[in-house]
Amino acid sequence: MQNLLKNMKDLGKPIGLQLLFGVIGIPVGIIIGLMDTVFGKVLLEITSIRELYPLFLIPVLPLAGVLIAFCYQRFGGTSGKGMTLIFEVGHGEQENIPLRLIPFVVVSTWITHLFGGSAGREGVAVQIGSTFSHWIGRHLPFKNAGKIFLAAGIAAGFSGLFGTPIAAVLFAMEVLVMGETKFAALLPAFTASIAASTTSQALGLSKFTFILSENISFSWALLVKLLILGVIFGIVGGLFAWCLKKTKVLLSNKIKNPLLRIGLAGIGLSALFLLLYQGRYSGLGTNLIQASFHDGTIYGWDWILKFILTIVTLAAGFQGGEVTPLFSIGASLGAAIAGLFGLPVPFVAALGYAAVFGGATNTFFAPIIIGGEIFGFETIPYFFIVCTVAYVFNASKSIYAQKIRPDF
């Protein structure tokens, strides 16, 4: 409570300064939205190329991984920490994020996707946004401007890529420290998020939306089903975060040389990607998301294979984010178990889409609002129930280097 009051007090600092930060957030968000658009559009083109020639490109994954690891080792410096560095700066453990992090993470993620690695894109967008925005903040003559604009950049990066500006603000406010909200960054995060989303949408970056048309009547039986689904999705999200961290440590301990580690993992991954439906589990996982909501083929094992292959891809050292694969895992899991609950497939897939993301990121408000922004705000009560339970049952695990308040 004391931390909450302190943050509320921070929000009340000179209104002129708050407004100034909000105004600065607009051009910052526009630039981040532009960078997100370039990154996102090229990534989509790369995905299309890989899907056309999987037998030629996926076997090259090991060599691509060695190239990525070599470049980071030789030229990357601290940028090789990626999202961990962003969180270290947010927690005050580091002071600077090198601007070279942006081209490194963008190009290496393009390479990962071109040759079939199972990875996401949100981590890249967040790193783009937070690196640039923090750089701007550090050059402003105001106390804590760097940290404030770091949070604003997280919101703008997320929003510019996914087109969910409200959820992006909430994500930025709650992701750094569990149980604490950074109110001082609220206004610049809001303006930067809106500006980034507006810019990327105006420039034609595609946004996924699916308005649920099923007429779901609330009942006590439905409530029980939603509670059970929340438990399942929360456990899966928390397990993903736990397995990712453990696998990173395991691979690092077993194979000390990062070039050898990513090369050997790449050999195994490329073979699996080709054997398992010639790349069905490569890339973002948007194919599984589309199948979950548009009467496509979803196998009962899709979500677990995407789960495992994404973890190995990222733990080995390939670049990309986790969020879109988490959306894919959640949606395909929901589609697979919908029949067991006697509920429409798109409805349960949508709940899984949001709740597994929340369970893996250890965030509460963001997944609920993502459900509203993507699937329709009239469904918010259902997302609230499922995401609340998922938040409780994820065992406080997070894919990020999130801190937990001692009294939380």
Protein backbone atom coordinates (compact mmCIF):
# COMPACT_ATOMS: atom_id res chain seq x y z
CA MET A 1 0.00 0.00 0.00
CA GLN A 2 2.85 2.38 0.81
CA ASN A 3 4.39 1.75 -2.62
CA LEU A 4 1.04 2.38 -4.25
CA LEU A 5 0.64 5.68 -2.40
CA LYS A 6 4.18 6.66 -3.30
CA ASN A 7 3.54 6.00 -6.98
CA MET A 8 0.27 7.92 -6.81
CA LYS A 9 2.21 10.78 -5.26
CA ASP A 10 4.72 10.58 -8.11
CA LEU A 11 1.83 10.94 -10.52
CA GLY A 12 1.00 14.20 -8.85
CA LYS A 13 4.40 15.77 -9.46
CA PRO A 14 4.36 19.03 -11.44
CA ILE A 15 1.55 18.68 -13.92
CA GLY A 16 3.52 20.69 -16.44
CA LEU A 17 6.29 18.10 -16.43
CA GLN A 18 3.77 15.27 -16.79
CA LEU A 19 2.19 17.03 -19.77
CA LEU A 20 5.60 17.65 -21.30
CA PHE A 21 6.46 13.96 -21.02
CA GLY A 22 3.10 13.15 -22.59
CA VAL A 23 3.78 15.47 -25.53
CA ILE A 24 7.27 14.04 -26.02
CA GLY A 25 5.71 10.58 -26.04
CA ILE A 26 3.87 11.37 -29.29
CA PRO A 27 6.88 11.75 -31.65
CA VAL A 28 8.66 8.97 -29.77
CA GLY A 29 5.67 6.69 -30.38
CA ILE A 30 5.49 7.67 -34.05
CA ILE A 31 9.14 6.75 -34.61
CA ILE A 32 8.74 3.47 -32.73
CA GLY A 33 5.60 2.70 -34.73
CA LEU A 34 7.57 3.30 -37.92
CA MET A 35 10.36 0.96 -36.80
CA ASP A 36 7.81 -1.66 -35.73
CA THR A 37 6.19 -1.43 -39.15
CA VAL A 38 9.44 -2.01 -41.02
CA PHE A 39 10.36 -4.89 -38.74
CA GLY A 40 6.88 -6.45 -38.86
CA LYS A 41 6.37 -6.17 -42.62
CA VAL A 42 9.76 -7.62 -43.45
CA LEU A 43 9.10 -10.43 -40.98
CA LEU A 44 5.82 -11.27 -42.71
CA GLU A 45 7.56 -11.37 -46.10
CA ILE A 46 10.29 -13.59 -44.68
CA THR A 47 7.64 -15.92 -43.26
CA SER A 48 5.97 -16.17 -46.68
CA ILE A 49 9.29 -17.04 -48.32
CA ARG A 50 10.04 -19.75 -45.75
CA GLU A 51 6.59 -21.26 -46.18
CA LEU A 52 7.20 -21.48 -49.94
CA TYR A 53 10.61 -23.15 -49.64
CA PRO A 54 10.77 -25.00 -46.31
CA LEU A 55 12.84 -27.89 -47.65
CA PHE A 56 15.55 -25.49 -48.82
CA LEU A 57 15.60 -23.01 -45.94
CA ILE A 58 14.96 -24.97 -42.74
CA PRO A 59 18.06 -27.21 -43.14
CA VAL A 60 20.21 -24.04 -43.04
CA LEU A 61 18.97 -23.21 -39.50
CA PRO A 62 22.13 -24.50 -37.74
CA LEU A 63 24.42 -22.31 -39.86
CA ALA A 64 22.11 -19.35 -39.37
CA GLY A 65 22.28 -19.89 -35.62
CA VAL A 66 26.08 -19.99 -35.63
CA LEU A 67 26.12 -16.72 -37.60
CA ILE A 68 23.81 -15.08 -35.05
CA ALA A 69 25.85 -16.27 -32.09
CA PHE A 70 29.14 -15.24 -33.71
CA CYS A 71 27.93 -11.72 -34.46
CA TYR A 72 26.62 -11.22 -30.94
CA GLN A 73 29.78 -12.64 -29.40
CA ARG A 74 32.10 -10.55 -31.57
CA PHE A 75 30.21 -7.29 -31.95
CA GLY A 76 27.10 -7.33 -29.72
CA GLY A 77 28.52 -6.42 -26.34
CA THR A 78 25.84 -6.04 -23.68
CA SER A 79 23.13 -6.00 -26.36
CA GLY A 80 23.40 -9.78 -26.30
CA LYS A 81 21.42 -9.76 -23.05
CA GLY A 82 18.33 -8.62 -24.96
CA MET A 83 15.23 -8.38 -22.79
CA THR A 84 17.26 -9.12 -19.68
CA LEU A 85 19.19 -5.89 -20.25
CA ILE A 86 15.94 -3.95 -20.65
CA PHE A 87 14.75 -5.22 -17.28
CA GLU A 88 18.11 -4.63 -15.62
CA VAL A 89 17.93 -0.99 -16.68
CA GLY A 90 14.34 -0.78 -15.53
CA HIS A 91 15.36 -2.13 -12.13
CA GLY A 92 18.30 0.28 -11.86
CA GLU A 93 20.93 -2.47 -12.11
CA GLN A 94 22.33 -1.10 -15.39
CA GLU A 95 22.34 2.43 -16.74
CA ASN A 96 22.59 2.19 -20.50
CA ILE A 97 21.07 0.28 -23.41
CA PRO A 98 23.31 0.50 -26.51
CA LEU A 99 21.47 1.63 -29.63
CA ARG A 100 23.13 -1.18 -31.59
CA LEU A 101 20.78 -3.54 -29.76
CA ILE A 102 18.08 -2.52 -32.25
CA PRO A 103 19.74 -3.63 -35.52
CA PHE A 104 21.21 -6.71 -33.83
CA VAL A 105 17.90 -8.01 -32.50
CA VAL A 106 15.95 -7.07 -35.65
CA VAL A 107 18.29 -8.71 -38.16
CA SER A 108 18.94 -11.79 -36.02
CA THR A 109 15.20 -12.31 -35.58
CA TRP A 110 14.66 -12.04 -39.32
CA ILE A 111 17.35 -14.70 -39.79
CA THR A 112 15.79 -16.95 -37.14
CA HIS A 113 12.40 -16.80 -38.87
CA LEU A 114 13.73 -17.13 -42.42
CA PHE A 115 15.34 -20.45 -41.57
CA GLY A 116 12.48 -21.84 -39.53
CA GLY A 117 13.14 -21.17 -35.83
CA SER A 118 10.08 -21.19 -33.59
CA ALA A 119 10.07 -17.71 -32.07
CA GLY A 120 7.97 -14.62 -31.69
CA ARG A 121 8.32 -10.93 -32.42
CA GLU A 122 7.06 -9.00 -29.40
CA GLY A 123 10.39 -9.19 -27.58
CA VAL A 124 11.97 -7.48 -30.56
CA ALA A 125 9.31 -4.77 -30.69
CA VAL A 126 9.66 -4.13 -26.95
CA GLN A 127 13.45 -3.95 -27.27
CA ILE A 128 13.13 -1.55 -30.21
CA GLY A 129 10.73 0.68 -28.29
CA SER A 130 12.45 0.63 -24.93
CA THR A 131 15.97 1.09 -26.33
CA PHE A 132 15.03 4.11 -28.43
CA SER A 133 12.71 5.66 -25.85
CA HIS A 134 15.20 5.18 -23.01
CA TRP A 135 17.88 6.85 -25.15
CA ILE A 136 15.57 9.84 -25.62
CA GLY A 137 14.76 9.94 -21.91
CA ARG A 138 18.41 9.89 -20.90
CA HIS A 139 19.02 13.02 -22.95
CA LEU A 140 16.23 14.94 -21.19
CA PRO A 141 17.30 17.17 -18.27
CA PHE A 142 14.84 15.63 -15.81
CA LYS A 143 15.29 13.14 -12.98
CA ASN A 144 14.26 9.56 -13.80
CA ALA A 145 13.30 10.53 -17.36
CA GLY A 146 15.24 7.55 -18.69
CA LYS A 147 13.28 5.04 -16.61
CA ILE A 148 9.99 6.77 -17.33
CA PHE A 149 10.57 6.63 -21.07
CA LEU A 150 11.81 3.05 -20.81
CA ALA A 151 8.30 2.09 -19.71
CA ALA A 152 6.81 4.32 -22.40
CA GLY A 153 8.97 2.55 -24.98
CA ILE A 154 7.80 -0.87 -23.80
CA ALA A 155 4.21 0.26 -24.32
CA ALA A 156 4.91 1.81 -27.71
CA GLY A 157 6.86 -1.19 -28.98
CA PHE A 158 4.14 -3.64 -27.95
CA SER A 159 1.34 -1.42 -29.24
CA GLY A 160 2.99 -0.65 -32.56
CA LEU A 161 3.36 -4.32 -33.38
CA PHE A 162 0.11 -5.78 -32.06
CA GLY A 163 -2.21 -2.78 -32.43
CA THR A 164 -3.52 -3.10 -28.85
CA PRO A 165 -2.70 0.32 -27.32
CA ILE A 166 -4.67 -0.03 -24.07
CA ALA A 167 -3.28 -3.45 -23.24
CA ALA A 168 0.20 -2.23 -24.16
CA VAL A 169 0.03 0.58 -21.60
CA LEU A 170 -1.10 -1.81 -18.88
CA PHE A 171 1.57 -4.32 -19.88
CA ALA A 172 4.28 -1.67 -19.54
CA MET A 173 2.90 -0.48 -16.21
CA GLU A 174 2.87 -3.91 -14.53
CA VAL A 175 5.52 -6.07 -16.17
CA LEU A 176 8.71 -4.72 -14.57
CA VAL A 177 7.81 -5.40 -10.94
CA MET A 178 5.07 -7.79 -9.84
CA GLY A 179 2.56 -5.98 -7.64
CA GLU A 180 3.76 -2.49 -8.50
CA THR A 181 2.45 -0.03 -11.05
CA LYS A 182 4.65 2.72 -12.46
CA PHE A 183 2.15 5.58 -12.46
CA ALA A 184 4.84 8.19 -13.19
CA ALA A 185 5.17 6.72 -16.69
CA LEU A 186 1.43 6.49 -17.33
CA LEU A 187 0.90 9.59 -19.50
CA PRO A 188 3.96 9.21 -21.78
CA ALA A 189 3.24 5.48 -22.06
CA PHE A 190 -0.33 6.29 -23.10
CA THR A 191 0.59 8.89 -25.72
CA ALA A 192 3.49 6.84 -27.09
CA SER A 193 1.32 3.72 -27.26
CA ILE A 194 -1.50 5.46 -29.11
CA ALA A 195 0.96 7.15 -31.49
CA ALA A 196 2.81 3.91 -32.23
CA SER A 197 -0.37 1.93 -32.86
CA THR A 198 -1.87 4.66 -35.05
CA THR A 199 1.34 4.93 -37.06
CA SER A 200 1.77 1.22 -37.70
CA GLN A 201 -1.88 0.77 -38.62
CA ALA A 202 -1.76 3.77 -40.97
CA LEU A 203 1.30 2.27 -42.66
CA GLY A 204 -0.54 -1.00 -43.21
CA LEU A 205 0.92 -3.33 -40.60
CA SER A 206 -1.65 -6.07 -40.20
CA LYS A 207 -3.45 -6.53 -36.87
CA PHE A 208 -5.12 -9.73 -35.75
CA THR A 209 -8.72 -9.36 -34.63
CA PHE A 210 -11.53 -11.88 -34.32
CA ILE A 211 -14.85 -10.73 -32.89
CA LEU A 212 -16.50 -13.61 -31.07
CA SER A 213 -20.02 -14.09 -32.41
CA GLU A 214 -21.08 -16.94 -30.13
CA ASN A 215 -23.93 -16.12 -27.78
CA ILE A 216 -22.63 -17.39 -24.45
CA SER A 217 -25.15 -17.23 -21.62
CA PHE A 218 -23.69 -16.98 -18.16
CA SER A 219 -24.57 -19.76 -15.70
CA TRP A 220 -23.11 -21.44 -12.63
CA ALA A 221 -22.08 -24.37 -14.82
CA LEU A 222 -20.24 -21.99 -17.15
CA LEU A 223 -18.53 -20.35 -14.17
CA VAL A 224 -17.14 -23.71 -13.05
CA LYS A 225 -15.87 -24.39 -16.56
CA LEU A 226 -14.20 -20.97 -16.73
CA LEU A 227 -12.51 -21.54 -13.38
CA ILE A 228 -11.13 -24.89 -14.54
CA LEU A 229 -9.93 -23.35 -17.81
CA GLY A 230 -8.20 -20.61 -15.84
CA VAL A 231 -6.32 -23.21 -13.82
CA ILE A 232 -5.23 -25.07 -16.97
CA PHE A 233 -4.12 -21.96 -18.85
CA GLY A 234 -2.35 -20.52 -15.81
CA ILE A 235 -0.40 -23.71 -15.21
CA VAL A 236 0.59 -23.96 -18.89
CA GLY A 237 1.73 -20.33 -18.96
CA GLY A 238 3.72 -20.64 -15.75
CA LEU A 239 5.20 -23.94 -16.90
CA PHE A 240 6.34 -22.34 -20.15
CA ALA A 241 8.18 -19.60 -18.24
CA TRP A 242 9.75 -22.12 -15.84
CA CYS A 243 10.81 -24.53 -18.59
CA LEU A 244 12.30 -21.72 -20.69
CA LYS A 245 14.55 -20.53 -17.86
CA LYS A 246 15.54 -24.05 -16.82
CA THR A 247 16.32 -25.05 -20.41
CA LYS A 248 18.50 -21.98 -20.92
CA VAL A 249 20.50 -22.86 -17.81
CA LEU A 250 20.71 -26.54 -18.76
CA LEU A 251 21.97 -25.89 -22.29
CA SER A 252 24.43 -23.24 -21.08
CA ASN A 253 25.86 -25.62 -18.50
CA LYS A 254 26.05 -28.62 -20.82
CA ILE A 255 27.50 -26.78 -23.83
CA LYS A 256 29.60 -23.81 -22.75
CA ASN A 257 30.51 -22.58 -26.24
CA PRO A 258 27.54 -20.52 -27.55
CA LEU A 259 28.43 -21.20 -31.20
CA LEU A 260 28.57 -24.96 -30.64
CA ARG A 261 25.41 -24.81 -28.52
CA ILE A 262 23.28 -23.04 -31.09
CA GLY A 263 24.74 -25.10 -33.95
CA LEU A 264 23.97 -28.46 -32.34
CA ALA A 265 20.52 -27.33 -31.23
CA GLY A 266 19.91 -25.99 -34.72
CA ILE A 267 20.66 -29.39 -36.26
CA GLY A 268 18.12 -31.10 -34.02
CA LEU A 269 15.54 -28.36 -34.47
CA SER A 270 15.80 -28.27 -38.26
CA ALA A 271 15.30 -32.03 -38.41
CA LEU A 272 12.26 -31.85 -36.14
CA PHE A 273 10.73 -28.92 -37.99
CA LEU A 274 10.96 -30.80 -41.28
CA LEU A 275 9.76 -34.12 -39.88
CA LEU A 276 6.78 -32.50 -38.12
CA TYR A 277 4.66 -31.45 -41.10
CA GLN A 278 7.46 -29.56 -42.90
CA GLY A 279 7.53 -26.42 -40.81
CA ARG A 280 4.10 -26.42 -39.18
CA TYR A 281 5.74 -25.39 -35.90
CA SER A 282 8.27 -22.97 -37.36
CA GLY A 283 7.99 -19.21 -37.03
CA LEU A 284 5.41 -17.24 -35.12
CA GLY A 285 2.66 -19.82 -34.90
CA THR A 286 0.11 -17.60 -36.63
CA ASN A 287 -0.87 -20.61 -38.75
CA LEU A 288 -2.09 -22.35 -35.60
CA ILE A 289 -3.88 -19.18 -34.45
CA GLN A 290 -5.69 -18.89 -37.79
CA ALA A 291 -6.64 -22.57 -37.71
CA SER A 292 -7.98 -22.22 -34.17
CA PHE A 293 -10.40 -19.46 -35.15
CA HIS A 294 -11.27 -20.31 -38.74
CA ASP A 295 -12.22 -24.00 -38.65
CA GLY A 296 -8.75 -25.19 -39.59
CA THR A 297 -7.13 -28.44 -38.53
CA ILE A 298 -5.88 -28.42 -34.96
CA TYR A 299 -4.28 -31.55 -33.58
CA GLY A 300 -4.41 -32.31 -29.88
CA TRP A 301 -0.61 -32.22 -29.77
CA ASP A 302 -0.12 -28.92 -31.64
CA TRP A 303 0.16 -26.82 -28.51
CA ILE A 304 2.67 -29.06 -26.75
CA LEU A 305 4.93 -29.33 -29.81
CA LYS A 306 4.86 -25.56 -30.28
CA PHE A 307 5.55 -25.24 -26.55
CA ILE A 308 8.64 -27.49 -26.65
CA LEU A 309 10.10 -26.27 -29.93
CA THR A 310 9.76 -22.61 -28.98
CA ILE A 311 11.53 -23.20 -25.69
CA VAL A 312 14.43 -25.05 -27.34
CA THR A 313 14.72 -22.43 -30.10
CA LEU A 314 15.00 -19.53 -27.67
CA ALA A 315 17.06 -21.37 -25.05
CA ALA A 316 19.62 -22.33 -27.70
CA GLY A 317 20.26 -18.67 -28.53
CA PHE A 318 18.06 -17.95 -31.54
CA GLN A 319 16.43 -14.53 -31.45
CA GLY A 320 12.79 -13.51 -31.26
CA GLY A 321 10.06 -13.08 -28.72
CA GLU A 322 7.80 -15.42 -26.83
CA VAL A 323 4.41 -13.71 -26.93
CA THR A 324 3.10 -14.70 -30.37
CA PRO A 325 4.07 -18.35 -29.80
CA LEU A 326 2.30 -18.06 -26.43
CA PHE A 327 -0.81 -16.77 -28.22
CA SER A 328 -0.46 -19.75 -30.56
CA ILE A 329 0.00 -22.24 -27.72
CA GLY A 330 -2.97 -20.83 -25.82
CA ALA A 331 -5.28 -20.70 -28.84
CA SER A 332 -4.44 -24.22 -30.06
CA LEU A 333 -4.72 -25.64 -26.53
CA GLY A 334 -8.10 -23.95 -26.14
CA ALA A 335 -9.26 -25.28 -29.51
CA ALA A 336 -8.11 -28.78 -28.59
CA ILE A 337 -9.97 -28.95 -25.26
CA ALA A 338 -13.09 -26.93 -26.13
CA GLY A 339 -15.07 -30.08 -26.88
CA LEU A 340 -14.32 -31.49 -23.43
CA PHE A 341 -16.10 -28.49 -21.91
CA GLY A 342 -18.96 -28.39 -24.40
CA LEU A 343 -18.05 -24.83 -25.40
CA PRO A 344 -17.51 -23.26 -28.85
CA VAL A 345 -13.96 -23.68 -30.16
CA PRO A 346 -13.34 -19.97 -30.95
CA PHE A 347 -14.53 -18.97 -27.47
CA VAL A 348 -12.15 -21.30 -25.60
CA ALA A 349 -9.35 -20.57 -28.07
CA ALA A 350 -9.74 -16.85 -27.34
CA LEU A 351 -9.60 -17.45 -23.59
CA GLY A 352 -6.46 -19.53 -24.03
CA TYR A 353 -4.93 -16.91 -26.32
CA ALA A 354 -5.09 -14.28 -23.58
CA ALA A 355 -4.74 -16.36 -20.40
CA VAL A 356 -1.65 -18.38 -21.37
CA PHE A 357 0.04 -15.10 -22.29
CA GLY A 358 -0.90 -13.69 -18.89
CA GLY A 359 0.27 -16.82 -17.12
CA ALA A 360 3.66 -16.76 -18.82
CA THR A 361 4.29 -13.02 -18.40
CA ASN A 362 2.86 -12.88 -14.85
CA THR A 363 0.63 -9.96 -15.79
CA PHE A 364 -3.00 -9.50 -14.83
CA PHE A 365 -4.57 -6.44 -16.46
CA ALA A 366 -2.87 -6.68 -19.87
CA PRO A 367 -4.25 -10.11 -20.91
CA ILE A 368 -7.77 -9.14 -19.89
CA ILE A 369 -7.67 -6.03 -22.05
CA ILE A 370 -5.97 -7.90 -24.90
CA GLY A 371 -9.02 -10.15 -24.86
CA GLY A 372 -11.26 -7.10 -25.18
CA GLU A 373 -9.22 -5.34 -27.87
CA ILE A 374 -8.91 -8.43 -30.06
CA PHE A 375 -12.10 -10.39 -29.42
CA GLY A 376 -14.62 -7.68 -28.43
CA PHE A 377 -15.08 -5.81 -25.18
CA GLU A 378 -18.43 -7.45 -24.46
CA THR A 379 -16.46 -10.59 -23.61
CA ILE A 380 -14.41 -8.88 -20.88
CA PRO A 381 -16.26 -10.61 -17.97
CA TYR A 382 -15.20 -14.02 -19.27
CA PHE A 383 -11.61 -12.95 -19.78
CA PHE A 384 -11.59 -11.41 -16.32
CA ILE A 385 -12.62 -14.68 -14.67
CA VAL A 386 -10.21 -16.90 -16.61
CA CYS A 387 -7.23 -14.51 -16.47
CA THR A 388 -7.74 -13.95 -12.74
CA VAL A 389 -7.51 -17.67 -12.05
CA ALA A 390 -4.60 -18.06 -14.49
CA TYR A 391 -2.74 -15.29 -12.65
CA VAL A 392 -3.21 -17.15 -9.37
CA PHE A 393 -2.14 -20.55 -10.71
CA ASN A 394 0.94 -19.57 -12.72
CA ALA A 395 3.11 -19.87 -9.58
CA SER A 396 4.39 -16.29 -10.07
CA LYS A 397 6.58 -17.40 -12.99
CA SER A 398 7.49 -15.03 -15.81
CA ILE A 399 9.39 -15.29 -19.07
CA TYR A 400 10.96 -11.95 -18.15
CA ALA A 401 13.43 -10.97 -15.43
CA GLN A 402 10.52 -9.59 -13.43
CA LYS A 403 11.05 -8.59 -9.83
CA ILE A 404 8.57 -9.44 -7.10
CA ARG A 405 7.94 -6.96 -4.30
CA PRO A 406 8.97 -8.49 -0.96
CA ASP A 407 5.55 -7.80 0.56
CA PHE A 408 3.55 -9.10 -2.42
